[in-house]
């Protein structure tokens, strides 16, 4: 059951009259998640659920499925025709309410267009629920932070073990495939009790130039003296995700070009934490877009625009790409502020035809300060130990 006290507080903080939800046939997974509804329940008719800033919620359900929202508190109202549905909605005419529809944040725009038209034609003023979603679902409490930290520590340890696996295979004269390394990481996560919505990314050489690379079959066999990209994410069952990326070089002597590219990348990444500290200390929380612009400007001074293919970071909660603030001023510009409990990745990347580099850390806000989770920030490329006598 949703925490209505928290929902109402968030609604009032955004100076709104309420928050209106809709769903049909469980097409809106975000609404099911926010309202803690069973996605397997029968749902063949549209329903609405209205949470006011003050007072009891209203459940607007079809006569064939009167019990569909019985698990939620509130006053029931039943309709059987489209005309009755519109008449029932008109009781909220003149109110300014939040709905899951945002002009730039597509991940939070799950309120279907037909229902949005119906709501507005009923005299209801609608605004984006993005900031409310952040407040009720995208901010971590102490328990969530602890879960996130536990997952992060496992990820950092897994990357180190994964690198040792790669180096040992080369030492034996049997370089592994990308898929073999990926499967080894999946095994480590499972043994640690973590789960993920998809397997890690292990990309070598030119494949590292593809931010969302996924191998076909065994993938590429790793070769010496090339870039190897790790991107790994996971969470405890029912917990909070962690998400990190590390870069290695499959040799002992890193070329100057690779050293330069990576050092410039981490310099851009490391602008975020001190900027956050200064802003929060002054009482002026930055937006996700502000932080993205800061990192992006530094990258554009050092790399061609074509090398920069994605935003700086994304919100993290029970989903790896969560509902909280994203560090994004270009793809899906996010003007929401970094609040207490915010958790997000900082993962600038640069990509070329022959290779790519992405470094990723997670930051959360606790006690008004930005904290990097996991305690293992990468500052140098991973490389093989020089075994020459």
Foldseek 3Di string as FASTA:
>chain_A
DADLVLLLVLCVVVVFQWAKEKDALCQQVVVCVRLVADNPDDGHDMKMWIRGNDDFIETEEEPVCQCRVVVDTGHYDYDHDPVRVLVVLLVQAPGEYEYQCDPFPVVSHRHDPVVVVSNVVSRYHYDHCLSSCCSRFQFDDPQQVVQAQVQLQLVVVLVVVLVVVQLVCVVVVHFAFQQVSQVSSVVSCVVVQKDAPDTKGKAKWLRQLPVPDDADDRHGGHDAFTKIKIWGKIGHVVHWMFIWIAMAHAADDHDPVVQVVQQLLVVLLVVQQVVQLVCLVVVHFFALQVSQVSSVVSVVVPDPPVFWDDTQKAWITNHRRDSHGTNDCDRRRTRHTQDARTKMKGWTKTHDSTHIDIGIWMWHHHPSHIDTHNPDGDNGHHYHDDPDD
